[in-house]
N, C-alpha and C. Protein backbone atom coordinates (compact mmCIF):
# COMPACT_ATOMS: atom_id res chain seq x y z
N MET A 1 0.92 -1.51 0.11
CA MET A 1 -0.01 -0.09 -0.01
C MET A 1 0.68 1.37 0.10
N ARG A 2 0.13 2.28 -0.53
CA ARG A 2 1.04 3.56 -0.53
C ARG A 2 1.03 4.20 0.89
N ASP A 3 2.29 4.98 1.03
CA ASP A 3 2.14 5.90 2.38
C ASP A 3 2.03 7.07 2.12
N ASP A 4 1.79 7.67 0.75
CA ASP A 4 1.41 8.94 0.55
C ASP A 4 -0.41 8.77 0.40
N LYS A 5 -1.16 9.15 1.28
CA LYS A 5 -2.42 9.17 1.23
C LYS A 5 -2.93 10.51 0.53
N ARG A 6 -3.84 10.06 -0.45
CA ARG A 6 -4.27 11.23 -1.26
C ARG A 6 -5.56 11.40 -0.64
N ILE A 7 -6.00 12.88 -0.17
CA ILE A 7 -7.29 13.21 0.38
C ILE A 7 -8.30 13.65 -0.66
N CYS A 8 -9.57 13.44 -0.56
CA CYS A 8 -10.53 13.78 -1.54
C CYS A 8 -10.84 15.37 -1.07
N PRO A 9 -10.87 16.08 -2.05
CA PRO A 9 -11.26 17.42 -1.61
C PRO A 9 -12.65 17.85 -1.19
N ALA A 10 -13.37 17.11 -1.45
CA ALA A 10 -14.94 17.33 -1.12
C ALA A 10 -15.45 16.59 0.13
N SER A 11 -14.77 15.48 0.42
CA SER A 11 -15.34 14.76 1.40
C SER A 11 -14.32 14.98 2.74
N GLY A 12 -12.90 14.99 2.30
CA GLY A 12 -11.89 15.02 3.27
C GLY A 12 -11.53 13.66 3.56
N LYS A 13 -12.12 12.51 2.81
CA LYS A 13 -11.90 11.00 3.22
C LYS A 13 -10.76 10.52 2.24
N VAL A 14 -9.73 9.48 2.78
CA VAL A 14 -8.72 9.02 2.06
C VAL A 14 -9.00 8.58 0.86
N CYS A 15 -8.59 8.50 -0.34
CA CYS A 15 -8.78 8.08 -1.55
C CYS A 15 -8.06 6.88 -1.75
N TYR A 16 -8.85 5.68 -2.18
CA TYR A 16 -8.12 4.51 -2.54
C TYR A 16 -8.20 4.02 -3.80
N SER A 17 -7.53 3.19 -4.29
CA SER A 17 -7.62 2.57 -5.60
C SER A 17 -8.70 1.22 -5.38
N ARG A 18 -9.45 0.57 -6.33
CA ARG A 18 -10.05 -0.45 -5.87
C ARG A 18 -9.40 -1.72 -5.28
N ALA A 19 -8.12 -1.90 -5.60
CA ALA A 19 -7.19 -2.91 -4.90
C ALA A 19 -6.86 -2.63 -3.36
N GLU A 20 -6.69 -1.30 -3.51
CA GLU A 20 -6.31 -0.74 -2.14
C GLU A 20 -7.46 -0.88 -0.91
N ALA A 21 -8.76 -0.51 -1.48
CA ALA A 21 -9.76 -0.54 -0.68
C ALA A 21 -9.98 -1.81 -0.34
N GLY A 22 -9.95 -2.86 -1.09
CA GLY A 22 -10.22 -4.22 -0.84
C GLY A 22 -9.08 -4.80 0.09
N ALA A 23 -7.86 -4.34 -0.05
CA ALA A 23 -6.84 -4.94 0.82
C ALA A 23 -7.08 -4.47 2.47
N VAL A 24 -7.34 -3.16 2.24
CA VAL A 24 -7.82 -2.49 3.67
C VAL A 24 -8.98 -3.25 4.28
N MET A 25 -10.12 -3.30 3.65
CA MET A 25 -11.23 -3.96 4.14
C MET A 25 -10.95 -5.58 4.48
N ARG A 26 -9.94 -6.25 3.99
CA ARG A 26 -9.63 -7.42 4.34
C ARG A 26 -8.85 -7.67 5.49
N THR A 27 -7.90 -6.64 5.43
CA THR A 27 -6.97 -6.72 6.72
C THR A 27 -7.82 -6.09 7.97
N CYS A 28 -8.77 -5.46 8.02
CA CYS A 28 -9.82 -4.91 9.02
C CYS A 28 -10.45 -6.25 9.55
N LYS A 29 -11.13 -6.76 8.39
CA LYS A 29 -11.85 -8.01 8.90
C LYS A 29 -11.21 -9.09 9.70
N ARG A 30 -9.82 -9.19 8.96
CA ARG A 30 -8.82 -10.54 9.58
C ARG A 30 -8.58 -10.17 10.87
N TYR A 31 -8.04 -9.10 11.38
CA TYR A 31 -7.75 -8.89 12.59
C TYR A 31 -8.74 -8.20 13.44
N GLY A 32 -10.15 -8.11 13.26
CA GLY A 32 -11.24 -7.88 13.87
C GLY A 32 -11.25 -6.35 14.33
N GLY A 33 -10.73 -5.57 13.48
CA GLY A 33 -10.98 -4.14 14.06
C GLY A 33 -10.16 -3.71 15.20
N ARG A 34 -8.93 -4.33 15.56
CA ARG A 34 -8.29 -3.94 16.58
C ARG A 34 -7.63 -2.69 16.54
N PHE A 35 -7.34 -2.19 15.28
CA PHE A 35 -7.00 -0.85 15.05
C PHE A 35 -7.85 0.14 14.62
N ARG A 36 -8.96 -0.09 14.53
CA ARG A 36 -10.07 0.90 14.14
C ARG A 36 -11.19 0.73 15.04
N LYS A 37 -11.97 1.85 15.20
CA LYS A 37 -13.30 1.63 16.07
C LYS A 37 -14.46 1.03 15.26
N GLN A 38 -14.42 1.16 13.87
CA GLN A 38 -15.34 0.58 13.16
C GLN A 38 -14.56 -0.14 12.13
N ILE A 39 -15.34 -1.29 11.61
CA ILE A 39 -14.70 -2.10 10.49
C ILE A 39 -15.24 -1.66 9.29
N PRO A 40 -14.56 -1.36 8.30
CA PRO A 40 -15.27 -0.88 7.02
C PRO A 40 -15.96 -2.12 6.32
N LYS A 41 -17.15 -1.86 5.75
CA LYS A 41 -17.96 -2.95 5.24
C LYS A 41 -18.01 -2.85 4.04
N ARG A 42 -17.77 -1.62 3.32
CA ARG A 42 -18.01 -1.39 1.83
C ARG A 42 -17.12 -0.29 1.42
N ALA A 43 -16.72 -0.46 0.06
CA ALA A 43 -16.01 0.37 -0.57
C ALA A 43 -16.96 1.26 -1.75
N TYR A 44 -16.86 2.26 -1.94
CA TYR A 44 -17.97 3.07 -2.98
C TYR A 44 -17.00 3.91 -3.51
N VAL A 45 -17.45 4.10 -4.85
CA VAL A 45 -16.69 5.32 -5.81
C VAL A 45 -17.27 6.69 -5.55
N CYS A 46 -16.32 7.51 -5.20
CA CYS A 46 -16.94 8.96 -4.83
C CYS A 46 -17.14 9.74 -6.25
N PRO A 47 -18.54 10.31 -6.40
CA PRO A 47 -18.89 10.90 -7.34
C PRO A 47 -18.07 12.23 -7.64
N ASP A 48 -17.32 12.56 -6.62
CA ASP A 48 -16.51 14.01 -6.62
C ASP A 48 -15.09 13.82 -7.19
N CYS A 49 -14.50 12.89 -6.68
CA CYS A 49 -12.92 12.51 -7.05
C CYS A 49 -12.99 11.24 -8.13
N GLY A 50 -13.96 10.71 -7.97
CA GLY A 50 -13.65 9.36 -8.79
C GLY A 50 -12.84 8.21 -7.91
N CYS A 51 -12.44 8.36 -6.97
CA CYS A 51 -11.78 7.43 -6.02
C CYS A 51 -12.71 6.49 -5.33
N TYR A 52 -12.02 5.47 -4.73
CA TYR A 52 -12.82 4.64 -3.59
C TYR A 52 -12.74 5.03 -2.32
N HIS A 53 -13.80 5.02 -1.35
CA HIS A 53 -13.79 5.51 -0.18
C HIS A 53 -14.36 4.34 0.47
N LEU A 54 -13.86 4.30 1.92
CA LEU A 54 -14.53 3.12 2.75
C LEU A 54 -15.59 3.92 3.64
N THR A 55 -16.72 2.97 3.84
CA THR A 55 -17.65 3.21 4.89
C THR A 55 -17.81 2.07 5.70
N HIS A 56 -18.58 2.29 7.04
CA HIS A 56 -18.62 1.11 7.79
C HIS A 56 -20.06 0.80 7.92
N TRP A 57 -20.95 1.59 6.87
CA TRP A 57 -22.29 1.48 6.92
C TRP A 57 -22.77 0.29 5.42
N LYS A 58 -23.62 -0.67 5.97
CA LYS A 58 -23.73 -1.88 5.19
C LYS A 58 -24.23 -1.34 3.58
N ASN A 59 -25.32 -0.24 3.78
CA ASN A 59 -26.20 0.01 2.59
C ASN A 59 -25.87 1.49 2.16
N PHE A 60 -24.76 1.86 2.13
CA PHE A 60 -24.30 3.21 2.12
C PHE A 60 -24.41 3.59 0.43
N VAL A 61 -25.32 4.89 0.22
CA VAL A 61 -25.28 5.12 -1.07
C VAL A 61 -24.82 6.62 -1.18
N PRO A 62 -23.75 7.00 -1.93
CA PRO A 62 -23.21 8.31 -1.61
C PRO A 62 -24.29 9.19 -2.66
N LYS A 63 -24.31 10.35 -2.09
CA LYS A 63 -25.03 11.54 -2.74
C LYS A 63 -24.29 11.87 -3.84
N LYS A 64 -25.21 12.66 -5.06
CA LYS A 64 -24.74 12.96 -6.12
C LYS A 64 -23.71 13.91 -6.03
N SER A 65 -22.91 14.34 -6.90
CA SER A 65 -21.82 15.40 -7.03
C SER A 65 -22.47 16.72 -6.60
N ARG A 66 -21.79 17.79 -5.91
CA ARG A 66 -22.79 18.99 -5.69
C ARG A 66 -22.14 19.93 -6.91
N PHE A 67 -21.16 19.48 -7.54
CA PHE A 67 -20.54 20.44 -8.86
C PHE A 67 -21.00 20.25 -10.22
């Protein structure tokens, strides 16, 4: 994984590629959330930046872009 984390200008969340998002979710699931308060359950494509973000909500649907 990358050490340089890109931040979404619209949401302020960390941007991931599809592969990176999957790797983070698998790692958190494997270790039971020891390093996070909430285990990410889903990755979604941000309508603003086009990258993947993680959410702990099972049925999260991102809002449409404001721009």
